[in-house]
Amino acid sequence: MGPAGKFLDIRQGDRTIEDYAGDFVGMARQSATEKTCLMVIFWGGLADPFKSMMPYWAPEESLEDYINLALHPW
């Protein structure tokens, strides 16, 4: 599987949200993918309960701010 396939298949699974976010950001930095698509991919890889607490995407936010919503939901 190439880098793009790995990027689309990244999932939180039983890892902490911090581990998932760190891996995701590392892959996103190597990608030319548009911000909104990155948000949707990040959201799609989240495990519950994080996924149910997060907006599907937030066009007014930077990718970093969007990921911080998952890291610091309160």
PDB file of N, CA and C in Angstrom:
ATOM      1  N   MET A   1       0.845  -1.174   0.000  1.00  0.00           N
ATOM      2  CA  MET A   1       0.000   0.000   0.000  1.00  0.00           C
ATOM      3  C   MET A   1       0.893   1.241   0.000  1.00  0.00           C
ATOM      4  N   GLY A   2       0.589   2.181  -0.874  1.00  0.00           N
ATOM      5  CA  GLY A   2       1.366   3.404  -0.970  1.00  0.00           C
ATOM      6  C   GLY A   2       1.030   4.386   0.136  1.00  0.00           C
ATOM      7  N   PRO A   3       1.764   5.510   0.196  1.00  0.00           N
ATOM      8  CA  PRO A   3       1.539   6.511   1.239  1.00  0.00           C
ATOM      9  C   PRO A   3       0.110   7.041   1.278  1.00  0.00           C
ATOM     10  N   ALA A   4      -0.498   7.253   0.115  1.00  0.00           N
ATOM     11  CA  ALA A   4      -1.870   7.778   0.091  1.00  0.00           C
ATOM     12  C   ALA A   4      -2.840   6.780   0.702  1.00  0.00           C
ATOM     13  N   GLY A   5      -2.665   5.511   0.406  1.00  0.00           N
ATOM     14  CA  GLY A   5      -3.529   4.485   0.979  1.00  0.00           C
ATOM     15  C   GLY A   5      -3.389   4.396   2.483  1.00  0.00           C
ATOM     16  N   LYS A   6      -2.162   4.481   2.974  1.00  0.00           N
ATOM     17  CA  LYS A   6      -1.935   4.461   4.420  1.00  0.00           C
ATOM     18  C   LYS A   6      -2.590   5.669   5.076  1.00  0.00           C
ATOM     19  N   PHE A   7      -2.504   6.815   4.420  1.00  0.00           N
ATOM     20  CA  PHE A   7      -3.090   8.036   4.960  1.00  0.00           C
ATOM     21  C   PHE A   7      -4.602   7.893   5.077  1.00  0.00           C
ATOM     22  N   LEU A   8      -5.232   7.328   4.072  1.00  0.00           N
ATOM     23  CA  LEU A   8      -6.685   7.163   4.104  1.00  0.00           C
ATOM     24  C   LEU A   8      -7.121   6.070   5.071  1.00  0.00           C
ATOM     25  N   ASP A   9      -6.230   5.147   5.400  1.00  0.00           N
ATOM     26  CA  ASP A   9      -6.572   4.040   6.294  1.00  0.00           C
ATOM     27  C   ASP A   9      -6.214   4.289   7.755  1.00  0.00           C
ATOM     28  N   ILE A  10      -5.610   5.428   8.081  1.00  0.00           N
ATOM     29  CA  ILE A  10      -5.206   5.674   9.458  1.00  0.00           C
ATOM     30  C   ILE A  10      -6.441   5.751  10.358  1.00  0.00           C
ATOM     31  N   ARG A  11      -6.380   5.050  11.482  1.00  0.00           N
ATOM     32  CA  ARG A  11      -7.484   4.998  12.440  1.00  0.00           C
ATOM     33  C   ARG A  11      -6.928   5.113  13.858  1.00  0.00           C
ATOM     34  N   GLN A  12      -7.738   5.668  14.736  1.00  0.00           N
ATOM     35  CA  GLN A  12      -7.351   5.752  16.136  1.00  0.00           C
ATOM     36  C   GLN A  12      -7.319   4.368  16.766  1.00  0.00           C
ATOM     37  N   GLY A  13      -8.338   3.577  16.503  1.00  0.00           N
ATOM     38  CA  GLY A  13      -8.403   2.246  17.108  1.00  0.00           C
ATOM     39  C   GLY A  13      -8.384   2.343  18.623  1.00  0.00           C
ATOM     40  N   ASP A  14      -7.541   1.548  19.269  1.00  0.00           N
ATOM     41  CA  ASP A  14      -7.472   1.584  20.731  1.00  0.00           C
ATOM     42  C   ASP A  14      -6.338   2.472  21.238  1.00  0.00           C
ATOM     43  N   ARG A  15      -5.744   3.246  20.335  1.00  0.00           N
ATOM     44  CA  ARG A  15      -4.683   4.180  20.736  1.00  0.00           C
ATOM     45  C   ARG A  15      -5.289   5.410  21.402  1.00  0.00           C
ATOM     46  N   THR A  16      -4.465   6.158  22.110  1.00  0.00           N
ATOM     47  CA  THR A  16      -4.936   7.416  22.683  1.00  0.00           C
ATOM     48  C   THR A  16      -5.176   8.421  21.563  1.00  0.00           C
ATOM     49  N   ILE A  17      -5.991   9.408  21.847  1.00  0.00           N
ATOM     50  CA  ILE A  17      -6.250  10.460  20.868  1.00  0.00           C
ATOM     51  C   ILE A  17      -4.954  11.203  20.546  1.00  0.00           C
ATOM     52  N   GLU A  18      -4.077  11.352  21.531  1.00  0.00           N
ATOM     53  CA  GLU A  18      -2.798  12.024  21.312  1.00  0.00           C
ATOM     54  C   GLU A  18      -1.918  11.258  20.327  1.00  0.00           C
ATOM     55  N   ASP A  19      -1.860   9.935  20.468  1.00  0.00           N
ATOM     56  CA  ASP A  19      -1.067   9.118  19.540  1.00  0.00           C
ATOM     57  C   ASP A  19      -1.628   9.191  18.122  1.00  0.00           C
ATOM     58  N   TYR A  20      -2.945   9.073  18.015  1.00  0.00           N
ATOM     59  CA  TYR A  20      -3.586   9.152  16.699  1.00  0.00           C
ATOM     60  C   TYR A  20      -3.337  10.514  16.063  1.00  0.00           C
ATOM     61  N   ALA A  21      -3.551  11.587  16.825  1.00  0.00           N
ATOM     62  CA  ALA A  21      -3.362  12.939  16.288  1.00  0.00           C
ATOM     63  C   ALA A  21      -1.915  13.153  15.857  1.00  0.00           C
ATOM     64  N   GLY A  22      -0.965  12.670  16.646  1.00  0.00           N
ATOM     65  CA  GLY A  22       0.441  12.817  16.291  1.00  0.00           C
ATOM     66  C   GLY A  22       0.788  12.117  14.989  1.00  0.00           C
ATOM     67  N   ASP A  23       0.321  10.890  14.834  1.00  0.00           N
ATOM     68  CA  ASP A  23       0.560  10.157  13.585  1.00  0.00           C
ATOM     69  C   ASP A  23      -0.125  10.846  12.411  1.00  0.00           C
ATOM     70  N   PHE A  24      -1.345  11.317  12.634  1.00  0.00           N
ATOM     71  CA  PHE A  24      -2.098  11.975  11.568  1.00  0.00           C
ATOM     72  C   PHE A  24      -1.391  13.247  11.112  1.00  0.00           C
ATOM     73  N   VAL A  25      -0.963  14.072  12.055  1.00  0.00           N
ATOM     74  CA  VAL A  25      -0.286  15.326  11.704  1.00  0.00           C
ATOM     75  C   VAL A  25       1.005  15.035  10.949  1.00  0.00           C
ATOM     76  N   GLY A  26       1.751  14.023  11.372  1.00  0.00           N
ATOM     77  CA  GLY A  26       2.970  13.655  10.663  1.00  0.00           C
ATOM     78  C   GLY A  26       2.706  13.289   9.216  1.00  0.00           C
ATOM     79  N   MET A  27       1.633  12.549   8.974  1.00  0.00           N
ATOM     80  CA  MET A  27       1.283  12.174   7.608  1.00  0.00           C
ATOM     81  C   MET A  27       0.733  13.371   6.837  1.00  0.00           C
ATOM     82  N   ALA A  28      -0.047  14.216   7.503  1.00  0.00           N
ATOM     83  CA  ALA A  28      -0.649  15.377   6.841  1.00  0.00           C
ATOM     84  C   ALA A  28       0.419  16.354   6.363  1.00  0.00           C
ATOM     85  N   ARG A  29       1.494  16.489   7.119  1.00  0.00           N
ATOM     86  CA  ARG A  29       2.580  17.405   6.731  1.00  0.00           C
ATOM     87  C   ARG A  29       3.263  16.971   5.442  1.00  0.00           C
ATOM     88  N   GLN A  30       3.191  15.699   5.135  1.00  0.00           N
ATOM     89  CA  GLN A  30       3.810  15.170   3.921  1.00  0.00           C
ATOM     90  C   GLN A  30       2.829  15.117   2.757  1.00  0.00           C
ATOM     91  N   SER A  31       1.639  15.631   2.977  1.00  0.00           N
ATOM     92  CA  SER A  31       0.576  15.532   1.988  1.00  0.00           C
ATOM     93  C   SER A  31       0.246  16.901   1.410  1.00  0.00           C
ATOM     94  N   ALA A  32      -0.187  16.903   0.170  1.00  0.00           N
ATOM     95  CA  ALA A  32      -0.657  18.136  -0.467  1.00  0.00           C
ATOM     96  C   ALA A  32      -2.184  18.200  -0.426  1.00  0.00           C
ATOM     97  N   THR A  33      -2.785  17.374   0.419  1.00  0.00           N
ATOM     98  CA  THR A  33      -4.241  17.295   0.512  1.00  0.00           C
ATOM     99  C   THR A  33      -4.808  18.573   1.109  1.00  0.00           C
ATOM    100  N   GLU A  34      -5.938  19.017   0.583  1.00  0.00           N
ATOM    101  CA  GLU A  34      -6.605  20.238   1.018  1.00  0.00           C
ATOM    102  C   GLU A  34      -7.086  20.096   2.464  1.00  0.00           C
ATOM    103  N   LYS A  35      -7.087  21.216   3.191  1.00  0.00           N
ATOM    104  CA  LYS A  35      -7.407  21.248   4.618  1.00  0.00           C
ATOM    105  C   LYS A  35      -8.748  20.593   4.943  1.00  0.00           C
ATOM    106  N   THR A  36      -9.778  20.914   4.201  1.00  0.00           N
ATOM    107  CA  THR A  36     -11.095  20.354   4.488  1.00  0.00           C
ATOM    108  C   THR A  36     -11.082  18.838   4.343  1.00  0.00           C
ATOM    109  N   CYS A  37     -10.405  18.324   3.342  1.00  0.00           N
ATOM    110  CA  CYS A  37     -10.289  16.872   3.166  1.00  0.00           C
ATOM    111  C   CYS A  37      -9.536  16.249   4.338  1.00  0.00           C
ATOM    112  N   LEU A  38      -8.491  16.922   4.807  1.00  0.00           N
ATOM    113  CA  LEU A  38      -7.737  16.415   5.949  1.00  0.00           C
ATOM    114  C   LEU A  38      -8.624  16.330   7.187  1.00  0.00           C
ATOM    115  N   MET A  39      -9.483  17.319   7.383  1.00  0.00           N
ATOM    116  CA  MET A  39     -10.397  17.294   8.531  1.00  0.00           C
ATOM    117  C   MET A  39     -11.337  16.095   8.447  1.00  0.00           C
ATOM    118  N   VAL A  40     -11.868  15.858   7.269  1.00  0.00           N
ATOM    119  CA  VAL A  40     -12.797  14.739   7.081  1.00  0.00           C
ATOM    120  C   VAL A  40     -12.077  13.405   7.299  1.00  0.00           C
ATOM    121  N   ILE A  41     -10.851  13.284   6.804  1.00  0.00           N
ATOM    122  CA  ILE A  41     -10.073  12.052   6.999  1.00  0.00           C
ATOM    123  C   ILE A  41      -9.776  11.857   8.485  1.00  0.00           C
ATOM    124  N   PHE A  42      -9.373  12.938   9.178  1.00  0.00           N
ATOM    125  CA  PHE A  42      -9.100  12.854  10.617  1.00  0.00           C
ATOM    126  C   PHE A  42     -10.353  12.406  11.364  1.00  0.00           C
ATOM    127  N   TRP A  43     -11.483  13.053  11.078  1.00  0.00           N
ATOM    128  CA  TRP A  43     -12.750  12.714  11.732  1.00  0.00           C
ATOM    129  C   TRP A  43     -13.116  11.251  11.481  1.00  0.00           C
ATOM    130  N   GLY A  44     -12.942  10.802  10.240  1.00  0.00           N
ATOM    131  CA  GLY A  44     -13.287   9.430   9.890  1.00  0.00           C
ATOM    132  C   GLY A  44     -12.475   8.388  10.636  1.00  0.00           C
ATOM    133  N   GLY A  45     -11.269   8.745  11.048  1.00  0.00           N
ATOM    134  CA  GLY A  45     -10.420   7.802  11.766  1.00  0.00           C
ATOM    135  C   GLY A  45     -10.601   7.809  13.266  1.00  0.00           C
ATOM    136  N   LEU A  46     -11.381   8.765  13.780  1.00  0.00           N
ATOM    137  CA  LEU A  46     -11.596   8.846  15.222  1.00  0.00           C
ATOM    138  C   LEU A  46     -12.442   7.683  15.727  1.00  0.00           C
ATOM    139  N   ALA A  47     -12.151   7.258  16.946  1.00  0.00           N
ATOM    140  CA  ALA A  47     -12.980   6.267  17.629  1.00  0.00           C
ATOM    141  C   ALA A  47     -14.018   7.015  18.468  1.00  0.00           C
ATOM    142  N   ASP A  48     -15.114   6.354  18.780  1.00  0.00           N
ATOM    143  CA  ASP A  48     -16.072   6.941  19.722  1.00  0.00           C
ATOM    144  C   ASP A  48     -15.452   6.893  21.101  1.00  0.00           C
ATOM    145  N   PRO A  49     -15.690   7.840  21.971  1.00  0.00           N
ATOM    146  CA  PRO A  49     -16.684   8.907  21.880  1.00  0.00           C
ATOM    147  C   PRO A  49     -16.193  10.163  21.168  1.00  0.00           C
ATOM    148  N   PHE A  50     -14.920  10.201  20.780  1.00  0.00           N
ATOM    149  CA  PHE A  50     -14.389  11.420  20.159  1.00  0.00           C
ATOM    150  C   PHE A  50     -15.135  11.781  18.881  1.00  0.00           C
ATOM    151  N   LYS A  51     -15.422  10.782  18.066  1.00  0.00           N
ATOM    152  CA  LYS A  51     -16.086  11.042  16.788  1.00  0.00           C
ATOM    153  C   LYS A  51     -17.442  11.710  16.996  1.00  0.00           C
ATOM    154  N   SER A  52     -18.198  11.256  17.987  1.00  0.00           N
ATOM    155  CA  SER A  52     -19.529  11.823  18.212  1.00  0.00           C
ATOM    156  C   SER A  52     -19.467  13.228  18.805  1.00  0.00           C
ATOM    157  N   MET A  53     -18.327  13.619  19.369  1.00  0.00           N
ATOM    158  CA  MET A  53     -18.187  14.961  19.952  1.00  0.00           C
ATOM    159  C   MET A  53     -17.652  15.984  18.956  1.00  0.00           C
ATOM    160  N   MET A  54     -17.129  15.511  17.838  1.00  0.00           N
ATOM    161  CA  MET A  54     -16.468  16.397  16.881  1.00  0.00           C
ATOM    162  C   MET A  54     -17.380  16.756  15.719  1.00  0.00           C
ATOM    163  N   PRO A  55     -17.290  18.017  15.241  1.00  0.00           N
ATOM    164  CA  PRO A  55     -17.984  18.338  13.992  1.00  0.00           C
ATOM    165  C   PRO A  55     -17.307  17.584  12.844  1.00  0.00           C
ATOM    166  N   TYR A  56     -18.069  17.275  11.813  1.00  0.00           N
ATOM    167  CA  TYR A  56     -17.531  16.555  10.653  1.00  0.00           C
ATOM    168  C   TYR A  56     -16.372  17.317  10.032  1.00  0.00           C
ATOM    169  N   TRP A  57     -16.489  18.599   9.956  1.00  0.00           N
ATOM    170  CA  TRP A  57     -15.424  19.486   9.490  1.00  0.00           C
ATOM    171  C   TRP A  57     -15.759  20.880   9.980  1.00  0.00           C
ATOM    172  N   ALA A  58     -14.788  21.764   9.997  1.00  0.00           N
ATOM    173  CA  ALA A  58     -14.967  23.129  10.487  1.00  0.00           C
ATOM    174  C   ALA A  58     -14.185  24.066   9.571  1.00  0.00           C
ATOM    175  N   PRO A  59     -14.828  24.549   8.507  1.00  0.00           N
ATOM    176  CA  PRO A  59     -14.098  25.324   7.501  1.00  0.00           C
ATOM    177  C   PRO A  59     -13.444  26.592   8.035  1.00  0.00           C
ATOM    178  N   GLU A  60     -13.959  27.116   9.140  1.00  0.00           N
ATOM    179  CA  GLU A  60     -13.382  28.339   9.695  1.00  0.00           C
ATOM    180  C   GLU A  60     -12.141  28.071  10.543  1.00  0.00           C
ATOM    181  N   GLU A  61     -11.855  26.818  10.831  1.00  0.00           N
ATOM    182  CA  GLU A  61     -10.720  26.444  11.673  1.00  0.00           C
ATOM    183  C   GLU A  61      -9.520  26.025  10.824  1.00  0.00           C
ATOM    184  N   SER A  62      -8.325  26.195  11.396  1.00  0.00           N
ATOM    185  CA  SER A  62      -7.140  25.600  10.782  1.00  0.00           C
ATOM    186  C   SER A  62      -7.155  24.111  11.124  1.00  0.00           C
ATOM    187  N   LEU A  63      -6.368  23.320  10.428  1.00  0.00           N
ATOM    188  CA  LEU A  63      -6.290  21.890  10.742  1.00  0.00           C
ATOM    189  C   LEU A  63      -5.807  21.700  12.177  1.00  0.00           C
ATOM    190  N   GLU A  64      -4.829  22.489  12.589  1.00  0.00           N
ATOM    191  CA  GLU A  64      -4.305  22.396  13.955  1.00  0.00           C
ATOM    192  C   GLU A  64      -5.403  22.676  14.983  1.00  0.00           C
ATOM    193  N   ASP A  65      -6.189  23.730  14.768  1.00  0.00           N
ATOM    194  CA  ASP A  65      -7.276  24.053  15.694  1.00  0.00           C
ATOM    195  C   ASP A  65      -8.333  22.955  15.711  1.00  0.00           C
ATOM    196  N   TYR A  66      -8.625  22.400  14.549  1.00  0.00           N
ATOM    197  CA  TYR A  66      -9.607  21.316  14.458  1.00  0.00           C
ATOM    198  C   TYR A  66      -9.142  20.100  15.262  1.00  0.00           C
ATOM    199  N   ILE A  67      -7.887  19.723  15.115  1.00  0.00           N
ATOM    200  CA  ILE A  67      -7.353  18.580  15.861  1.00  0.00           C
ATOM    201  C   ILE A  67      -7.335  18.888  17.351  1.00  0.00           C
ATOM    202  N   ASN A  68      -7.050  20.138  17.707  1.00  0.00           N
ATOM    203  CA  ASN A  68      -7.075  20.520  19.120  1.00  0.00           C
ATOM    204  C   ASN A  68      -8.466  20.387  19.728  1.00  0.00           C
ATOM    205  N   LEU A  69      -9.522  20.508  18.917  1.00  0.00           N
ATOM    206  CA  LEU A  69     -10.877  20.268  19.426  1.00  0.00           C
ATOM    207  C   LEU A  69     -11.012  18.837  19.944  1.00  0.00           C
ATOM    208  N   ALA A  70     -10.367  17.901  19.276  1.00  0.00           N
ATOM    209  CA  ALA A  70     -10.403  16.502  19.719  1.00  0.00           C
ATOM    210  C   ALA A  70      -9.510  16.285  20.938  1.00  0.00           C
ATOM    211  N   LEU A  71      -8.372  16.970  20.961  1.00  0.00           N
ATOM    212  CA  LEU A  71      -7.433  16.801  22.068  1.00  0.00           C
ATOM    213  C   LEU A  71      -7.925  17.456  23.350  1.00  0.00           C
ATOM    214  N   HIS A  72      -8.667  18.544  23.213  1.00  0.00           N
ATOM    215  CA  HIS A  72      -9.137  19.318  24.372  1.00  0.00           C
ATOM    216  C   HIS A  72     -10.608  19.668  24.187  1.00  0.00           C
ATOM    217  N   PRO A  73     -11.499  18.676  24.290  1.00  0.00           N
ATOM    218  CA  PRO A  73     -12.915  18.920  23.976  1.00  0.00           C
ATOM    219  C   PRO A  73     -13.651  19.795  24.982  1.00  0.00           C
ATOM    220  N   TRP A  74     -13.077  19.986  26.147  1.00  0.00           N
ATOM    221  CA  TRP A  74     -13.799  20.775  27.144  1.00  0.00           C
ATOM    222  C   TRP A  74     -13.191  22.110  27.312  1.00  0.00           C
TER     223      TRP A  74
END
